[in-house]
Protein backbone atom coordinates (compact mmCIF):
# COMPACT_ATOMS: atom_id res chain seq x y z
CA UNK A 1 -0.02 0.04 -0.01
CA UNK A 2 0.69 3.09 -1.27
CA UNK A 3 -0.50 5.97 1.43
CA UNK A 4 0.72 10.48 0.20
CA UNK A 5 -0.15 13.50 1.83
CA UNK A 6 -0.70 16.56 -0.56
CA UNK A 7 -1.29 19.96 0.55
CA UNK A 8 -2.33 21.05 -2.50
CA UNK A 9 -2.95 24.95 -2.15
CA UNK A 10 -6.76 24.94 -3.62
CA UNK A 11 -7.96 21.80 -5.76
CA UNK A 12 -9.38 23.36 -8.32
CA UNK A 13 -6.42 25.13 -9.44
CA UNK A 14 -4.23 22.95 -9.13
CA UNK A 15 -5.68 20.18 -10.61
CA UNK A 16 -4.53 19.70 -13.73
CA UNK A 17 -0.59 19.25 -11.58
CA UNK A 18 -3.13 16.57 -9.22
CA UNK A 19 -4.46 14.68 -12.05
CA UNK A 20 -0.75 13.82 -13.54
CA UNK A 21 0.47 12.98 -10.64
CA UNK A 22 -1.70 10.60 -9.03
CA UNK A 23 -1.99 8.89 -13.38
CA UNK A 24 2.32 9.13 -12.40
CA UNK A 25 2.74 7.31 -8.75
CA UNK A 26 -0.09 5.89 -8.47
CA UNK A 27 -1.43 6.14 -4.86
CA UNK A 28 -3.49 3.47 -3.20
CA UNK A 29 -4.44 6.19 -0.36
CA UNK A 30 -3.45 9.74 -1.28
CA UNK A 31 -5.31 12.92 1.64
CA UNK A 32 -5.58 16.13 0.89
CA UNK A 33 -5.19 19.41 2.18
CA UNK A 34 -6.32 23.25 1.65
CA UNK A 35 -9.03 22.30 -0.40
CA UNK A 36 -10.27 26.62 -0.65
CA UNK A 37 -13.53 25.03 -2.17
CA UNK A 38 -16.85 23.89 -0.89
CA UNK A 39 -18.17 20.63 -0.67
CA UNK A 40 -20.58 21.38 -3.74
CA UNK A 41 -17.16 22.96 -5.39
CA UNK A 42 -15.42 19.14 -4.04
CA UNK A 43 -14.02 17.49 -8.26
CA UNK A 44 -15.27 14.62 -6.80
CA UNK A 45 -16.28 13.26 -10.43
CA UNK A 46 -12.85 14.12 -12.13
CA UNK A 47 -11.00 11.74 -8.93
CA UNK A 48 -13.64 9.33 -9.91
CA UNK A 49 -12.98 9.48 -13.60
CA UNK A 50 -9.50 8.16 -12.12
CA UNK A 51 -10.14 5.70 -10.83
CA UNK A 52 -10.61 7.13 -6.70
CA UNK A 53 -13.50 7.32 -4.49
CA UNK A 54 -13.20 10.16 -1.79
CA UNK A 55 -14.75 10.85 1.01
CA UNK A 56 -14.00 14.94 2.26
CA UNK A 57 -15.28 18.37 3.72
CA UNK A 58 -14.77 21.38 3.12
CA UNK A 59 -14.31 25.10 3.43
CA UNK A 60 -14.87 27.57 0.82
CA UNK A 61 -12.00 29.75 -0.03
CA UNK A 62 -10.18 28.04 3.27
CA UNK A 63 -8.92 25.06 4.73
CA UNK A 64 -10.64 21.63 3.90
CA UNK A 65 -10.06 17.91 3.69
CA UNK A 66 -10.03 14.62 1.66
CA UNK A 67 -9.25 11.22 1.79
CA UNK A 68 -9.06 9.75 -1.89
CA UNK A 69 -8.52 5.97 -2.59
CA UNK A 70 -8.00 4.26 -5.61
CA UNK A 71 -9.70 1.69 -6.71
CA UNK A 72 -12.62 2.41 -4.01
CA UNK A 73 -14.40 3.65 -1.37
CA UNK A 74 -13.77 5.02 2.40
CA UNK A 75 -15.48 4.50 4.64
CA UNK A 76 -15.29 7.12 6.98
CA UNK A 77 -15.03 7.37 10.22
CA UNK A 78 -14.98 10.73 11.42
CA UNK A 79 -16.26 14.39 9.47
CA UNK A 80 -14.67 17.00 12.27
CA UNK A 81 -11.54 16.10 15.42
CA UNK A 82 -14.02 15.65 18.57
CA UNK A 83 -13.76 17.62 21.43
CA UNK A 84 -14.73 21.19 20.57
CA UNK A 85 -17.81 21.30 18.67
CA UNK A 86 -17.50 24.60 18.21
CA UNK A 87 -14.83 24.04 15.84
CA UNK A 88 -16.24 24.81 12.22
CA UNK A 89 -13.19 24.51 10.23
CA UNK A 90 -12.46 21.70 8.18
CA UNK A 91 -8.87 20.29 9.66
CA UNK A 92 -9.93 16.69 10.21
CA UNK A 93 -10.77 13.97 8.07
CA UNK A 94 -10.67 10.31 8.96
CA UNK A 95 -11.90 6.79 7.28
CA UNK A 96 -10.85 3.23 7.03
CA UNK A 97 -9.57 1.72 3.85
CA UNK A 98 -8.21 -1.56 2.96
CA UNK A 99 -7.72 -2.52 6.14
CA UNK A 100 -6.03 1.39 7.95
CA UNK A 101 -7.61 3.59 9.54
CA UNK A 102 -6.66 6.46 7.92
CA UNK A 103 -6.34 10.39 9.87
CA UNK A 104 -6.08 13.39 7.58
CA UNK A 105 -5.20 16.61 9.20
CA UNK A 106 -4.57 20.75 7.70
CA UNK A 107 -2.90 21.22 12.14
CA UNK A 108 -3.75 25.80 11.66
CA UNK A 109 -1.12 27.87 11.56
CA UNK A 110 -1.14 29.29 14.25
CA UNK A 111 0.54 33.40 12.66
CA UNK A 112 1.33 35.77 13.88
CA UNK A 113 2.25 34.40 17.21
CA UNK A 114 1.46 35.46 20.23
CA UNK A 115 -1.86 35.81 19.59
CA UNK A 116 -5.31 34.59 19.38
CA UNK A 117 -4.03 31.82 16.01
CA UNK A 118 -1.19 30.65 18.35
CA UNK A 119 -3.39 29.33 20.89
CA UNK A 120 -5.80 27.71 18.62
CA UNK A 121 -3.16 25.73 16.94
CA UNK A 122 -2.01 25.08 20.22
CA UNK A 123 -5.32 24.17 22.07
CA UNK A 124 -6.62 22.04 18.58
CA UNK A 125 -2.58 20.32 18.48
CA UNK A 126 -4.26 19.34 21.78
CA UNK A 127 -7.15 18.34 21.30
CA UNK A 128 -5.42 16.02 18.75
CA UNK A 129 -3.23 14.48 20.96
CA UNK A 130 -5.74 13.29 23.23
CA UNK A 131 -7.44 11.92 20.02
CA UNK A 132 -4.41 10.00 18.10
CA UNK A 133 -3.42 8.53 22.17
CA UNK A 134 -6.97 6.99 21.10
CA UNK A 135 -5.93 5.74 18.36
CA UNK A 136 -3.09 4.38 19.36
CA UNK A 137 -5.04 2.63 22.31
CA UNK A 138 -6.94 0.59 20.00
CA UNK A 139 -4.16 -1.61 18.74
CA UNK A 140 -5.65 -0.96 14.31
CA UNK A 141 -3.15 -0.27 11.61
CA UNK A 142 -3.98 3.49 12.07
CA UNK A 143 -1.97 6.43 10.32
CA UNK A 144 -1.86 9.64 10.67
CA UNK A 145 -1.53 11.77 7.84
CA UNK A 146 -1.17 15.07 6.62
CA UNK A 147 0.28 19.12 7.06
CA UNK A 148 1.19 19.78 10.54
CA UNK A 149 2.43 22.52 10.00
CA UNK A 150 4.97 22.35 12.61
CA UNK A 151 8.59 22.33 12.04
CA UNK A 152 9.68 19.38 14.33
CA UNK A 153 13.87 20.12 14.61
CA UNK A 154 16.25 22.88 13.47
CA UNK A 155 17.60 19.92 10.79
CA UNK A 156 13.96 20.21 9.12
CA UNK A 157 14.42 24.37 7.77
CA UNK A 158 17.30 25.59 5.98
CA UNK A 159 19.47 27.50 7.88
CA UNK A 160 18.30 30.97 8.56
CA UNK A 161 16.90 33.46 11.31
CA UNK A 162 13.45 34.23 9.32
CA UNK A 163 11.58 31.91 10.94
CA UNK A 164 13.10 32.84 14.23
CA UNK A 165 8.58 34.28 15.80
CA UNK A 166 7.04 31.74 13.60
CA UNK A 167 3.98 29.70 15.12
CA UNK A 168 6.16 26.76 12.57
CA UNK A 169 9.19 26.22 14.51
CA UNK A 170 8.45 27.49 18.64
CA UNK A 171 9.05 25.45 21.11
CA UNK A 172 5.58 24.37 22.48
CA UNK A 173 4.82 24.11 18.47
CA UNK A 174 7.87 20.72 18.81
CA UNK A 175 6.40 19.61 21.98
CA UNK A 176 2.90 18.72 20.90
CA UNK A 177 4.88 17.50 17.82
CA UNK A 178 7.35 15.39 20.75
CA UNK A 179 4.27 14.23 22.06
CA UNK A 180 2.68 12.69 19.86
CA UNK A 181 5.88 10.48 19.18
CA UNK A 182 6.35 9.96 22.40
CA UNK A 183 3.25 8.22 22.18
CA UNK A 184 4.67 5.53 20.31
CA UNK A 185 4.20 6.80 16.50
CA UNK A 186 6.97 6.40 13.76
CA UNK A 187 7.68 9.07 11.92
CA UNK A 188 8.30 8.35 8.75
CA UNK A 189 10.05 10.07 6.81
CA UNK A 190 13.05 10.12 9.72
CA UNK A 191 11.99 6.61 10.02
CA UNK A 192 13.10 6.04 6.87
CA UNK A 193 15.74 9.01 6.36
CA UNK A 194 17.70 9.06 9.56
CA UNK A 195 20.35 11.74 8.86
CA UNK A 196 19.20 13.17 5.10
CA UNK A 197 18.00 17.30 5.06
CA UNK A 198 14.26 16.81 3.67
CA UNK A 199 11.55 19.54 2.53
CA UNK A 200 8.69 19.37 1.75
CA UNK A 201 6.73 22.80 1.70
CA UNK A 202 8.90 25.80 -0.53
CA UNK A 203 6.85 29.26 0.63
CA UNK A 204 6.11 31.09 -2.70
CA UNK A 205 8.53 34.24 -1.22
CA UNK A 206 12.20 34.83 -2.45
CA UNK A 207 12.71 32.54 -4.07
CA UNK A 208 12.76 29.81 -2.34
CA UNK A 209 12.00 26.76 -4.66
CA UNK A 210 15.13 27.79 -6.87
CA UNK A 211 17.31 28.36 -3.01
CA UNK A 212 16.23 24.69 -1.75
CA UNK A 213 15.04 27.09 0.93
CA UNK A 214 12.49 24.37 2.30
CA UNK A 215 10.73 22.70 5.66
CA UNK A 216 9.45 19.89 6.38
CA UNK A 217 5.89 19.84 7.49
CA UNK A 218 4.30 17.65 6.08
CA UNK A 219 4.14 13.88 7.77
CA UNK A 220 3.05 10.32 7.68
CA UNK A 221 3.15 8.63 11.61
CA UNK A 222 2.28 5.41 12.16
CA UNK A 223 0.61 3.03 14.82
CA UNK A 224 3.67 0.22 15.52
CA UNK A 225 1.70 -2.49 13.16
CA UNK A 226 2.74 0.22 9.83
CA UNK A 227 5.47 0.81 11.01
CA UNK A 228 7.34 -2.83 11.42
CA UNK A 229 5.52 -3.26 7.39
CA UNK A 230 7.75 -0.06 6.04
CA UNK A 231 9.96 0.03 3.61
CA UNK A 232 9.43 3.12 1.67
CA UNK A 233 9.25 6.60 2.27
CA UNK A 234 9.95 9.88 -0.37
CA UNK A 235 8.97 13.39 -1.58
CA UNK A 236 8.51 14.11 -4.95
CA UNK A 237 9.99 17.24 -5.26
CA UNK A 238 9.18 17.09 -8.47
CA UNK A 239 6.13 18.84 -8.13
CA UNK A 240 7.10 20.98 -6.40
CA UNK A 241 8.61 22.70 -9.51
CA UNK A 242 5.43 22.65 -11.73
CA UNK A 243 4.05 25.47 -13.24
CA UNK A 244 1.41 26.41 -11.63
CA UNK A 245 2.33 24.46 -8.40
CA UNK A 246 1.39 23.48 -5.18
CA UNK A 247 3.93 25.54 -2.24
CA UNK A 248 4.02 21.87 -1.12
CA UNK A 249 5.14 18.82 -3.17
CA UNK A 250 3.70 14.88 -1.93
CA UNK A 251 5.25 13.19 1.12
CA UNK A 252 4.70 9.40 0.87
CA UNK A 253 5.13 5.99 2.23
CA UNK A 254 5.13 2.51 1.15
CA UNK A 255 4.09 -0.58 3.18
CA UNK A 256 4.68 -4.07 2.46
CA UNK A 257 1.04 -6.29 2.67
């Protein structure tokens, strides 16, 4: 099984990029973030024509998450992150696909910090941490996949001082990611590439893609049973250089049957 995460940054605007990548990479499961489309605007028919069933939660102009499954229909298990019924932002969806529970998340960015947006980021991640513990405790094969909007370590960002005050690198943010790993989840990219510099995001500003001034924001965390099946992981960097590309590149893992 090949599972991928891709912050598409506007699914209808980037649909040609997405379709080309699906045809070339042929992932079995794809978690998409930043759809920037309402439920009605989601291109379900086009994706079905490409061989992918889907569940999604849209939000006009902002946020939005979806899970695609090649040759099958994902079975929706959660349409929002539990713990705060007043939070209506479309940032979390969960579905069963071929015996694996897939959690797709688009965590809050948190900027500017300090302030209410950073407080929301921390509160949201605390809720996610609690939910992740519940999923871990089930003993099921689970993958927590998406744009966490956290740079886990200094080596996951290019050498710069410009992000010093950014919410993505704050100690509080990194501590919450570390707390997930402490629950037992395996960071698949880092497990497979323990010493390499790997990025998944390059801002449009300041020539950062040509300079390879990137960040690792997109993560695939695996439960114990899935981590034992991990055979490969990587980032399809070339997608970031395509015309009209998202500022993220797809990250993926492969699991043996």
